Amino acid sequence: MLLQARFNQIILMEQHKVYEIEKGLAFIWSVRSDGQQSLTDILHHGMAAEFPDTPDTIYEFRTQAASRIRVHPLEPASLPPEQLVHLLTKLRAHSWRSLQLATICRQKYIRERLDMFLSFLNQQFGVQFKNTQRLVPFVLTHEHIANAINSTRSTVTRMMNELEQEGQISHVQLGKNRLIVFPSAQSSEVGRLV
């Protein structure tokens, strides 16, 4: 099954299905029965995800761009062996990214969580920009970052401003979008895992 999703659309994920992003960008959020939300993964074209069978948590895609999402049943007999291996490789990468995000959220200090999250973004999604810099090629609001690291928007805004004053990050305006830029690896501690 193929889903066409517009910008900022929410799609509830079903159990026993694999969701593969063919085009676009989507965040996967888990929403617990008590209302707490946490970022589970960030997916762009070529990535896939499924979610665990948990009784009091729902998982949803929140598209950040117009997206095309292919939904596969999680039944080995329904896919050719080559496609199954390809999909399982993508699911292993999804599990690893989800584990990294969960580890980030378990850090004691908010600044550590923010530094590690920015490093995660740089390593997973950063693209070369102006020879020595790296750019996160999608918009992340301070609210998104706060939810991802279990903090508040105001705290994230203050810390992002501090990082910018220290020269650890900068921003570039591309049209209406303000994107995060990491300086060269030699001059920045943020944006790379130590």
N, C-alpha and C. Protein backbone atom coordinates (compact mmCIF):
# COMPACT_ATOMS: atom_id res chain seq x y z
N MET A 1 0.85 -1.17 0.00
CA MET A 1 0.00 0.00 0.00
C MET A 1 0.90 1.24 0.00
N LEU A 2 0.50 2.25 -0.74
CA LEU A 2 1.26 3.48 -0.84
C LEU A 2 0.44 4.63 -0.28
N LEU A 3 1.04 5.39 0.66
CA LEU A 3 0.38 6.55 1.25
C LEU A 3 1.03 7.82 0.71
N GLN A 4 0.22 8.76 0.31
CA GLN A 4 0.70 10.09 -0.08
C GLN A 4 0.34 11.03 1.07
N ALA A 5 1.34 11.60 1.70
CA ALA A 5 1.09 12.47 2.85
C ALA A 5 1.54 13.88 2.53
N ARG A 6 0.75 14.83 2.95
CA ARG A 6 1.11 16.23 2.74
C ARG A 6 1.94 16.73 3.93
N PHE A 7 2.47 17.93 3.81
CA PHE A 7 3.25 18.53 4.88
C PHE A 7 2.41 18.61 6.16
N ASN A 8 3.02 18.26 7.27
CA ASN A 8 2.42 18.39 8.60
C ASN A 8 1.21 17.49 8.81
N GLN A 9 1.20 16.34 8.15
CA GLN A 9 0.12 15.38 8.34
C GLN A 9 0.52 14.36 9.39
N ILE A 10 -0.45 13.93 10.20
CA ILE A 10 -0.20 12.91 11.22
C ILE A 10 -0.82 11.61 10.74
N ILE A 11 -0.02 10.55 10.76
CA ILE A 11 -0.48 9.23 10.34
C ILE A 11 -0.24 8.26 11.49
N LEU A 12 -1.29 7.65 11.98
CA LEU A 12 -1.15 6.65 13.03
C LEU A 12 -0.54 5.39 12.45
N MET A 13 0.44 4.83 13.14
CA MET A 13 1.10 3.62 12.66
C MET A 13 0.34 2.40 13.19
N GLU A 14 0.21 1.40 12.35
CA GLU A 14 -0.46 0.17 12.73
C GLU A 14 0.58 -0.87 13.12
N GLN A 15 0.17 -1.80 13.98
CA GLN A 15 1.06 -2.88 14.38
C GLN A 15 1.25 -3.85 13.22
N HIS A 16 2.37 -4.53 13.25
CA HIS A 16 2.71 -5.57 12.28
C HIS A 16 2.80 -5.03 10.86
N LYS A 17 3.22 -3.78 10.73
CA LYS A 17 3.43 -3.16 9.43
C LYS A 17 4.80 -2.48 9.44
N VAL A 18 5.42 -2.44 8.28
CA VAL A 18 6.69 -1.74 8.11
C VAL A 18 6.41 -0.54 7.21
N TYR A 19 6.87 0.62 7.64
CA TYR A 19 6.66 1.87 6.91
C TYR A 19 7.99 2.30 6.30
N GLU A 20 8.02 2.41 4.98
CA GLU A 20 9.23 2.78 4.27
C GLU A 20 9.02 4.13 3.58
N ILE A 21 9.91 5.07 3.87
CA ILE A 21 9.81 6.41 3.27
C ILE A 21 10.45 6.36 1.88
N GLU A 22 9.64 6.59 0.86
CA GLU A 22 10.17 6.64 -0.50
C GLU A 22 10.55 8.06 -0.89
N LYS A 23 9.87 9.03 -0.29
CA LYS A 23 10.15 10.44 -0.58
C LYS A 23 9.68 11.25 0.62
N GLY A 24 10.44 12.27 0.98
CA GLY A 24 10.01 13.17 2.04
C GLY A 24 10.76 12.98 3.34
N LEU A 25 10.16 13.48 4.40
CA LEU A 25 10.76 13.48 5.73
C LEU A 25 9.65 13.33 6.76
N ALA A 26 9.86 12.46 7.74
CA ALA A 26 8.85 12.27 8.78
C ALA A 26 9.53 12.00 10.12
N PHE A 27 8.91 12.49 11.17
CA PHE A 27 9.34 12.18 12.53
C PHE A 27 8.37 11.12 13.06
N ILE A 28 8.90 10.16 13.81
CA ILE A 28 8.04 9.20 14.48
C ILE A 28 8.01 9.57 15.95
N TRP A 29 6.81 9.77 16.46
CA TRP A 29 6.62 10.12 17.86
C TRP A 29 5.86 9.00 18.55
N SER A 30 6.25 8.71 19.79
CA SER A 30 5.45 7.81 20.62
C SER A 30 4.66 8.68 21.58
N VAL A 31 3.40 8.34 21.75
CA VAL A 31 2.52 9.09 22.65
C VAL A 31 1.96 8.10 23.66
N ARG A 32 2.35 8.27 24.92
CA ARG A 32 1.87 7.36 25.97
C ARG A 32 0.49 7.75 26.42
N SER A 33 -0.16 6.85 27.12
CA SER A 33 -1.53 7.10 27.58
C SER A 33 -1.60 8.27 28.55
N ASP A 34 -0.48 8.63 29.22
CA ASP A 34 -0.49 9.78 30.12
C ASP A 34 -0.24 11.10 29.38
N GLY A 35 -0.10 11.03 28.04
CA GLY A 35 0.08 12.23 27.23
C GLY A 35 1.52 12.58 26.93
N GLN A 36 2.48 11.90 27.55
CA GLN A 36 3.88 12.22 27.31
C GLN A 36 4.29 11.76 25.91
N GLN A 37 4.97 12.66 25.20
CA GLN A 37 5.42 12.38 23.84
C GLN A 37 6.93 12.30 23.82
N SER A 38 7.46 11.42 22.97
CA SER A 38 8.90 11.42 22.78
C SER A 38 9.22 11.06 21.33
N LEU A 39 10.28 11.66 20.84
CA LEU A 39 10.73 11.41 19.48
C LEU A 39 11.37 10.03 19.44
N THR A 40 10.89 9.18 18.54
CA THR A 40 11.39 7.82 18.43
C THR A 40 12.37 7.67 17.28
N ASP A 41 12.15 8.40 16.19
CA ASP A 41 13.06 8.33 15.05
C ASP A 41 12.76 9.47 14.09
N ILE A 42 13.73 9.75 13.25
CA ILE A 42 13.59 10.70 12.15
C ILE A 42 13.90 9.92 10.88
N LEU A 43 12.99 9.97 9.93
CA LEU A 43 13.15 9.19 8.70
C LEU A 43 13.13 10.08 7.48
N HIS A 44 13.99 9.80 6.53
CA HIS A 44 13.90 10.44 5.22
C HIS A 44 13.95 9.35 4.17
N HIS A 45 13.99 9.74 2.89
CA HIS A 45 13.88 8.75 1.82
C HIS A 45 14.88 7.60 2.00
N GLY A 46 14.39 6.40 1.77
CA GLY A 46 15.22 5.21 1.88
C GLY A 46 15.25 4.58 3.25
N MET A 47 14.60 5.18 4.24
CA MET A 47 14.59 4.62 5.59
C MET A 47 13.26 3.94 5.86
N ALA A 48 13.27 3.00 6.82
CA ALA A 48 12.05 2.27 7.16
C ALA A 48 11.94 2.14 8.68
N ALA A 49 10.71 1.88 9.15
CA ALA A 49 10.48 1.76 10.59
C ALA A 49 9.28 0.86 10.85
N GLU A 50 9.29 0.29 12.02
CA GLU A 50 8.13 -0.39 12.58
C GLU A 50 8.12 -0.01 14.05
N PHE A 51 7.12 -0.43 14.80
CA PHE A 51 7.14 -0.09 16.21
C PHE A 51 6.79 -1.30 17.05
N PRO A 52 7.26 -1.32 18.30
CA PRO A 52 7.01 -2.47 19.17
C PRO A 52 5.55 -2.54 19.59
N ASP A 53 5.15 -3.72 19.97
CA ASP A 53 3.78 -3.98 20.41
C ASP A 53 3.66 -3.57 21.88
N THR A 54 3.28 -2.33 22.14
CA THR A 54 3.15 -1.83 23.51
C THR A 54 1.71 -1.44 23.77
N PRO A 55 1.15 -1.87 24.89
CA PRO A 55 -0.29 -1.69 25.11
C PRO A 55 -0.75 -0.25 25.33
N ASP A 56 0.02 0.60 26.00
CA ASP A 56 -0.49 1.94 26.31
C ASP A 56 0.28 3.05 25.61
N THR A 57 0.85 2.74 24.45
CA THR A 57 1.57 3.74 23.67
C THR A 57 1.14 3.64 22.21
N ILE A 58 0.87 4.80 21.60
CA ILE A 58 0.61 4.80 20.17
C ILE A 58 1.78 5.48 19.47
N TYR A 59 2.01 5.10 18.24
CA TYR A 59 3.10 5.66 17.45
C TYR A 59 2.49 6.34 16.24
N GLU A 60 3.07 7.50 15.89
CA GLU A 60 2.54 8.23 14.76
C GLU A 60 3.65 8.89 13.97
N PHE A 61 3.44 8.95 12.65
CA PHE A 61 4.28 9.73 11.76
C PHE A 61 3.79 11.15 11.80
N ARG A 62 4.70 12.10 11.81
CA ARG A 62 4.36 13.50 11.60
C ARG A 62 5.25 13.96 10.45
N THR A 63 4.65 14.12 9.30
CA THR A 63 5.44 14.45 8.12
C THR A 63 5.92 15.89 8.20
N GLN A 64 7.15 16.10 7.81
CA GLN A 64 7.76 17.43 7.82
C GLN A 64 7.89 17.99 6.41
N ALA A 65 7.47 17.18 5.44
CA ALA A 65 7.46 17.58 4.03
C ALA A 65 6.47 16.65 3.34
N ALA A 66 6.04 17.02 2.15
CA ALA A 66 5.18 16.11 1.39
C ALA A 66 5.94 14.79 1.25
N SER A 67 5.29 13.68 1.58
CA SER A 67 5.98 12.40 1.66
C SER A 67 5.20 11.30 0.95
N ARG A 68 5.96 10.32 0.48
CA ARG A 68 5.37 9.10 -0.07
C ARG A 68 5.87 7.95 0.80
N ILE A 69 4.93 7.23 1.42
CA ILE A 69 5.26 6.19 2.38
C ILE A 69 4.68 4.87 1.89
N ARG A 70 5.54 3.86 1.73
CA ARG A 70 5.08 2.53 1.35
C ARG A 70 4.91 1.70 2.62
N VAL A 71 3.75 1.05 2.73
CA VAL A 71 3.45 0.23 3.90
C VAL A 71 3.52 -1.24 3.49
N HIS A 72 4.38 -2.00 4.18
CA HIS A 72 4.55 -3.43 3.90
C HIS A 72 3.96 -4.22 5.06
N PRO A 73 3.26 -5.32 4.80
CA PRO A 73 2.86 -6.20 5.90
C PRO A 73 4.11 -6.89 6.45
N LEU A 74 4.13 -7.11 7.73
CA LEU A 74 5.30 -7.73 8.36
C LEU A 74 5.12 -9.25 8.33
N GLU A 75 5.10 -9.79 7.12
CA GLU A 75 4.96 -11.23 6.92
C GLU A 75 6.03 -11.65 5.92
N PRO A 76 6.99 -12.48 6.35
CA PRO A 76 8.08 -12.87 5.45
C PRO A 76 7.59 -13.48 4.14
N ALA A 77 6.48 -14.20 4.17
CA ALA A 77 6.01 -14.86 2.95
C ALA A 77 5.50 -13.87 1.91
N SER A 78 5.19 -12.65 2.31
CA SER A 78 4.61 -11.68 1.38
C SER A 78 5.65 -10.92 0.57
N LEU A 79 6.93 -11.10 0.88
CA LEU A 79 7.99 -10.36 0.17
C LEU A 79 9.01 -11.33 -0.42
N PRO A 80 9.59 -10.99 -1.58
CA PRO A 80 10.69 -11.80 -2.12
C PRO A 80 11.88 -11.74 -1.16
N PRO A 81 12.71 -12.78 -1.11
CA PRO A 81 13.83 -12.83 -0.15
C PRO A 81 14.76 -11.62 -0.22
N GLU A 82 15.08 -11.13 -1.44
CA GLU A 82 16.00 -9.99 -1.56
C GLU A 82 15.38 -8.74 -0.93
N GLN A 83 14.10 -8.54 -1.18
CA GLN A 83 13.42 -7.36 -0.64
C GLN A 83 13.30 -7.47 0.88
N LEU A 84 13.07 -8.69 1.38
CA LEU A 84 12.97 -8.90 2.82
C LEU A 84 14.29 -8.57 3.50
N VAL A 85 15.40 -9.03 2.94
CA VAL A 85 16.72 -8.74 3.51
C VAL A 85 16.98 -7.24 3.50
N HIS A 86 16.64 -6.59 2.39
CA HIS A 86 16.82 -5.14 2.26
C HIS A 86 16.01 -4.39 3.33
N LEU A 87 14.77 -4.82 3.53
CA LEU A 87 13.89 -4.19 4.52
C LEU A 87 14.39 -4.45 5.94
N LEU A 88 14.86 -5.66 6.21
CA LEU A 88 15.38 -5.98 7.54
C LEU A 88 16.63 -5.16 7.86
N THR A 89 17.45 -4.89 6.87
CA THR A 89 18.63 -4.03 7.07
C THR A 89 18.19 -2.62 7.46
N LYS A 90 17.17 -2.11 6.79
CA LYS A 90 16.65 -0.78 7.12
C LYS A 90 16.04 -0.77 8.53
N LEU A 91 15.37 -1.86 8.91
CA LEU A 91 14.77 -1.93 10.25
C LEU A 91 15.84 -2.00 11.33
N ARG A 92 16.95 -2.65 11.04
CA ARG A 92 18.05 -2.69 12.01
C ARG A 92 18.60 -1.28 12.22
N ALA A 93 18.75 -0.52 11.14
CA ALA A 93 19.22 0.86 11.26
C ALA A 93 18.21 1.70 12.06
N HIS A 94 16.92 1.47 11.84
CA HIS A 94 15.87 2.16 12.61
C HIS A 94 16.01 1.84 14.10
N SER A 95 16.21 0.57 14.42
CA SER A 95 16.36 0.17 15.83
C SER A 95 17.56 0.86 16.46
N TRP A 96 18.64 0.97 15.71
CA TRP A 96 19.85 1.62 16.22
C TRP A 96 19.60 3.11 16.48
N ARG A 97 18.94 3.79 15.52
CA ARG A 97 18.65 5.22 15.72
C ARG A 97 17.72 5.41 16.91
N SER A 98 16.72 4.55 17.05
CA SER A 98 15.79 4.66 18.18
C SER A 98 16.51 4.45 19.50
N LEU A 99 17.44 3.50 19.53
CA LEU A 99 18.23 3.25 20.73
C LEU A 99 19.10 4.46 21.06
N GLN A 100 19.70 5.08 20.05
CA GLN A 100 20.50 6.28 20.28
C GLN A 100 19.65 7.40 20.88
N LEU A 101 18.46 7.62 20.33
CA LEU A 101 17.58 8.67 20.85
C LEU A 101 17.15 8.37 22.29
N ALA A 102 16.86 7.10 22.58
CA ALA A 102 16.49 6.73 23.95
C ALA A 102 17.65 6.95 24.91
N THR A 103 18.86 6.64 24.47
CA THR A 103 20.05 6.86 25.30
C THR A 103 20.25 8.34 25.58
N ILE A 104 20.04 9.16 24.57
CA ILE A 104 20.17 10.61 24.74
C ILE A 104 19.21 11.11 25.81
N CYS A 105 17.98 10.63 25.78
CA CYS A 105 16.95 11.09 26.73
C CYS A 105 17.24 10.65 28.16
N ARG A 106 18.10 9.67 28.33
CA ARG A 106 18.40 9.17 29.67
C ARG A 106 19.58 9.88 30.33
N GLN A 107 20.20 10.81 29.62
CA GLN A 107 21.31 11.56 30.21
C GLN A 107 20.78 12.48 31.30
N LYS A 108 21.59 12.69 32.31
CA LYS A 108 21.14 13.46 33.48
C LYS A 108 20.95 14.94 33.18
N TYR A 109 21.90 15.54 32.48
CA TYR A 109 21.89 16.99 32.29
C TYR A 109 21.33 17.36 30.92
N ILE A 110 20.54 18.42 30.91
CA ILE A 110 19.90 18.86 29.67
C ILE A 110 20.95 19.25 28.63
N ARG A 111 22.01 19.93 29.04
CA ARG A 111 23.05 20.34 28.08
C ARG A 111 23.68 19.12 27.42
N GLU A 112 23.91 18.05 28.19
CA GLU A 112 24.45 16.81 27.60
C GLU A 112 23.47 16.23 26.59
N ARG A 113 22.19 16.23 26.94
CA ARG A 113 21.18 15.70 26.02
C ARG A 113 21.14 16.52 24.74
N LEU A 114 21.21 17.85 24.87
CA LEU A 114 21.18 18.71 23.69
C LEU A 114 22.42 18.48 22.82
N ASP A 115 23.60 18.44 23.44
CA ASP A 115 24.83 18.20 22.69
C ASP A 115 24.78 16.87 21.96
N MET A 116 24.31 15.83 22.65
CA MET A 116 24.24 14.51 22.03
C MET A 116 23.20 14.46 20.92
N PHE A 117 22.08 15.16 21.09
CA PHE A 117 21.05 15.18 20.05
C PHE A 117 21.56 15.91 18.81
N LEU A 118 22.24 17.02 19.00
CA LEU A 118 22.81 17.74 17.86
C LEU A 118 23.87 16.89 17.16
N SER A 119 24.64 16.15 17.94
CA SER A 119 25.63 15.25 17.36
C SER A 119 24.94 14.15 16.54
N PHE A 120 23.86 13.61 17.08
CA PHE A 120 23.07 12.60 16.37
C PHE A 120 22.58 13.16 15.03
N LEU A 121 22.04 14.36 15.06
CA LEU A 121 21.54 14.99 13.82
C LEU A 121 22.66 15.17 12.81
N ASN A 122 23.82 15.63 13.28
CA ASN A 122 24.96 15.86 12.40
C ASN A 122 25.42 14.56 11.76
N GLN A 123 25.55 13.51 12.56
CA GLN A 123 26.04 12.24 12.04
C GLN A 123 25.04 11.55 11.13
N GLN A 124 23.77 11.56 11.49
CA GLN A 124 22.76 10.83 10.72
C GLN A 124 22.29 11.59 9.49
N PHE A 125 22.20 12.90 9.58
CA PHE A 125 21.53 13.68 8.53
C PHE A 125 22.35 14.84 7.97
N GLY A 126 23.48 15.16 8.61
CA GLY A 126 24.26 16.31 8.18
C GLY A 126 24.78 16.15 6.75
N VAL A 127 24.74 17.23 6.00
CA VAL A 127 25.27 17.24 4.63
C VAL A 127 26.32 18.34 4.53
N GLN A 128 27.27 18.14 3.62
CA GLN A 128 28.34 19.11 3.42
C GLN A 128 27.76 20.45 3.00
N PHE A 129 28.29 21.52 3.59
CA PHE A 129 27.81 22.87 3.32
C PHE A 129 28.99 23.82 3.37
N LYS A 130 29.21 24.57 2.32
CA LYS A 130 30.30 25.56 2.25
C LYS A 130 31.65 24.96 2.65
N ASN A 131 32.05 23.91 2.02
CA ASN A 131 33.34 23.24 2.16
C ASN A 131 33.60 22.64 3.54
N THR A 132 33.64 23.43 4.60
CA THR A 132 34.04 22.89 5.90
C THR A 132 32.89 22.75 6.88
N GLN A 133 31.71 23.17 6.52
CA GLN A 133 30.58 23.12 7.45
C GLN A 133 29.63 21.98 7.09
N ARG A 134 28.79 21.62 8.06
CA ARG A 134 27.75 20.61 7.83
C ARG A 134 26.41 21.22 8.21
N LEU A 135 25.39 20.86 7.44
CA LEU A 135 24.06 21.45 7.57
C LEU A 135 23.05 20.34 7.83
N VAL A 136 22.13 20.56 8.77
CA VAL A 136 20.99 19.66 8.95
C VAL A 136 19.94 20.13 7.95
N PRO A 137 19.60 19.30 6.94
CA PRO A 137 18.81 19.78 5.80
C PRO A 137 17.30 19.84 6.01
N PHE A 138 16.86 19.92 7.24
CA PHE A 138 15.43 20.07 7.50
C PHE A 138 15.22 20.96 8.71
N VAL A 139 14.03 21.51 8.80
CA VAL A 139 13.70 22.46 9.87
C VAL A 139 13.40 21.70 11.16
N LEU A 140 14.02 22.15 12.23
CA LEU A 140 13.73 21.65 13.57
C LEU A 140 13.43 22.85 14.45
N THR A 141 12.23 22.93 14.96
CA THR A 141 11.90 24.03 15.87
C THR A 141 12.48 23.73 17.24
N HIS A 142 12.58 24.74 18.06
CA HIS A 142 13.04 24.52 19.44
C HIS A 142 12.06 23.63 20.19
N GLU A 143 10.80 23.69 19.82
CA GLU A 143 9.79 22.80 20.43
C GLU A 143 10.07 21.34 20.06
N HIS A 144 10.43 21.07 18.79
CA HIS A 144 10.79 19.71 18.38
C HIS A 144 11.98 19.21 19.19
N ILE A 145 13.00 20.05 19.29
CA ILE A 145 14.22 19.66 20.01
C ILE A 145 13.90 19.42 21.48
N ALA A 146 13.10 20.30 22.08
CA ALA A 146 12.73 20.15 23.49
C ALA A 146 12.01 18.83 23.73
N ASN A 147 11.06 18.49 22.86
CA ASN A 147 10.35 17.21 23.01
C ASN A 147 11.29 16.04 22.82
N ALA A 148 12.24 16.17 21.91
CA ALA A 148 13.17 15.08 21.63
C ALA A 148 14.10 14.80 22.81
N ILE A 149 14.45 15.83 23.59
CA ILE A 149 15.40 15.64 24.69
C ILE A 149 14.76 15.77 26.06
N ASN A 150 13.44 15.76 26.11
CA ASN A 150 12.71 15.87 27.38
C ASN A 150 13.07 17.14 28.15
N SER A 151 12.87 18.26 27.51
CA SER A 151 13.15 19.55 28.12
C SER A 151 12.01 20.50 27.78
N THR A 152 12.24 21.78 27.99
CA THR A 152 11.24 22.78 27.64
C THR A 152 11.76 23.64 26.49
N ARG A 153 10.85 24.24 25.76
CA ARG A 153 11.24 25.08 24.64
C ARG A 153 12.10 26.25 25.09
N SER A 154 11.74 26.87 26.21
CA SER A 154 12.51 28.04 26.67
C SER A 154 13.94 27.65 27.06
N THR A 155 14.11 26.49 27.68
CA THR A 155 15.46 26.03 28.03
C THR A 155 16.27 25.75 26.77
N VAL A 156 15.65 25.08 25.80
CA VAL A 156 16.35 24.79 24.55
C VAL A 156 16.72 26.08 23.83
N THR A 157 15.83 27.05 23.80
CA THR A 157 16.12 28.33 23.15
C THR A 157 17.32 29.00 23.81
N ARG A 158 17.34 29.02 25.13
CA ARG A 158 18.47 29.63 25.85
C ARG A 158 19.77 28.90 25.53
N MET A 159 19.74 27.57 25.56
CA MET A 159 20.97 26.80 25.31
C MET A 159 21.42 26.89 23.86
N MET A 160 20.49 26.93 22.93
CA MET A 160 20.86 27.08 21.52
C MET A 160 21.50 28.46 21.29
N ASN A 161 20.98 29.48 21.95
CA ASN A 161 21.59 30.82 21.86
C ASN A 161 23.00 30.80 22.43
N GLU A 162 23.20 30.09 23.56
CA GLU A 162 24.53 29.97 24.14
C GLU A 162 25.49 29.26 23.18
N LEU A 163 25.01 28.17 22.57
CA LEU A 163 25.85 27.44 21.61
C LEU A 163 26.22 28.32 20.42
N GLU A 164 25.29 29.14 20.00
CA GLU A 164 25.57 30.04 18.87
C GLU A 164 26.60 31.10 19.28
N GLN A 165 26.47 31.65 20.49
CA GLN A 165 27.44 32.64 20.97
C GLN A 165 28.83 32.03 21.12
N GLU A 166 28.89 30.75 21.51
CA GLU A 166 30.17 30.05 21.67
C GLU A 166 30.76 29.62 20.33
N GLY A 167 30.00 29.76 19.25
CA GLY A 167 30.49 29.36 17.93
C GLY A 167 30.37 27.87 17.66
N GLN A 168 29.61 27.16 18.49
CA GLN A 168 29.45 25.72 18.32
C GLN A 168 28.46 25.38 17.21
N ILE A 169 27.48 26.25 16.99
CA ILE A 169 26.52 26.10 15.90
C ILE A 169 26.26 27.47 15.30
N SER A 170 25.66 27.48 14.14
CA SER A 170 25.14 28.72 13.56
C SER A 170 23.88 28.35 12.80
N HIS A 171 23.28 29.32 12.18
CA HIS A 171 22.07 29.07 11.41
C HIS A 171 22.22 29.72 10.04
N VAL A 172 21.52 29.17 9.08
CA VAL A 172 21.47 29.76 7.75
C VAL A 172 20.00 29.85 7.36
N GLN A 173 19.65 30.95 6.73
CA GLN A 173 18.28 31.17 6.29
C GLN A 173 18.19 30.78 4.82
N LEU A 174 17.41 29.74 4.51
CA LEU A 174 17.17 29.32 3.13
C LEU A 174 15.68 29.47 2.85
N GLY A 175 15.33 30.55 2.20
CA GLY A 175 13.90 30.84 1.99
C GLY A 175 13.26 31.16 3.33
N LYS A 176 12.18 30.45 3.64
CA LYS A 176 11.51 30.65 4.93
C LYS A 176 12.10 29.76 6.02
N ASN A 177 13.02 28.90 5.65
CA ASN A 177 13.55 27.91 6.59
C ASN A 177 14.86 28.36 7.22
N ARG A 178 14.95 28.20 8.53
CA ARG A 178 16.18 28.50 9.27
C ARG A 178 16.77 27.16 9.70
N LEU A 179 17.94 26.82 9.16
CA LEU A 179 18.54 25.51 9.36
C LEU A 179 19.78 25.60 10.23
N ILE A 180 20.05 24.51 10.96
CA ILE A 180 21.22 24.44 11.85
C ILE A 180 22.46 24.10 11.03
N VAL A 181 23.54 24.84 11.30
CA VAL A 181 24.83 24.61 10.64
C VAL A 181 25.88 24.34 11.72
N PHE A 182 26.70 23.31 11.48
CA PHE A 182 27.82 23.01 12.37
C PHE A 182 29.10 23.49 11.71
N PRO A 183 29.96 24.19 12.47
CA PRO A 183 31.24 24.61 11.89
C PRO A 183 32.13 23.40 11.65
N SER A 184 33.34 23.64 11.19
CA SER A 184 34.26 22.53 10.92
C SER A 184 34.47 21.70 12.17
N ALA A 185 34.78 20.43 11.99
CA ALA A 185 34.93 19.49 13.10
C ALA A 185 36.03 19.92 14.07
N GLN A 186 37.07 20.59 13.56
CA GLN A 186 38.18 20.99 14.44
C GLN A 186 37.75 22.05 15.45
N SER A 187 36.77 22.90 15.09
CA SER A 187 36.43 24.01 15.97
C SER A 187 35.17 23.77 16.79
N SER A 188 34.52 22.62 16.60
CA SER A 188 33.25 22.40 17.28
C SER A 188 33.24 21.10 18.06
N GLU A 189 32.89 21.18 19.32
CA GLU A 189 32.69 19.97 20.12
C GLU A 189 31.29 19.43 19.93
N VAL A 190 30.33 20.32 19.68
CA VAL A 190 28.96 19.91 19.44
C VAL A 190 28.88 19.42 18.00
N GLY A 191 28.04 18.45 17.76
CA GLY A 191 27.88 17.96 16.41
C GLY A 191 28.75 16.76 16.10
N ARG A 192 29.52 16.31 17.08
CA ARG A 192 30.25 15.06 16.89
C ARG A 192 30.31 14.35 18.23
N LEU A 193 30.17 13.04 18.18
CA LEU A 193 30.21 12.26 19.41
C LEU A 193 31.64 12.12 19.88
N VAL A 194 31.85 12.29 21.16
CA VAL A 194 33.19 12.20 21.72
C VAL A 194 33.45 10.79 22.17
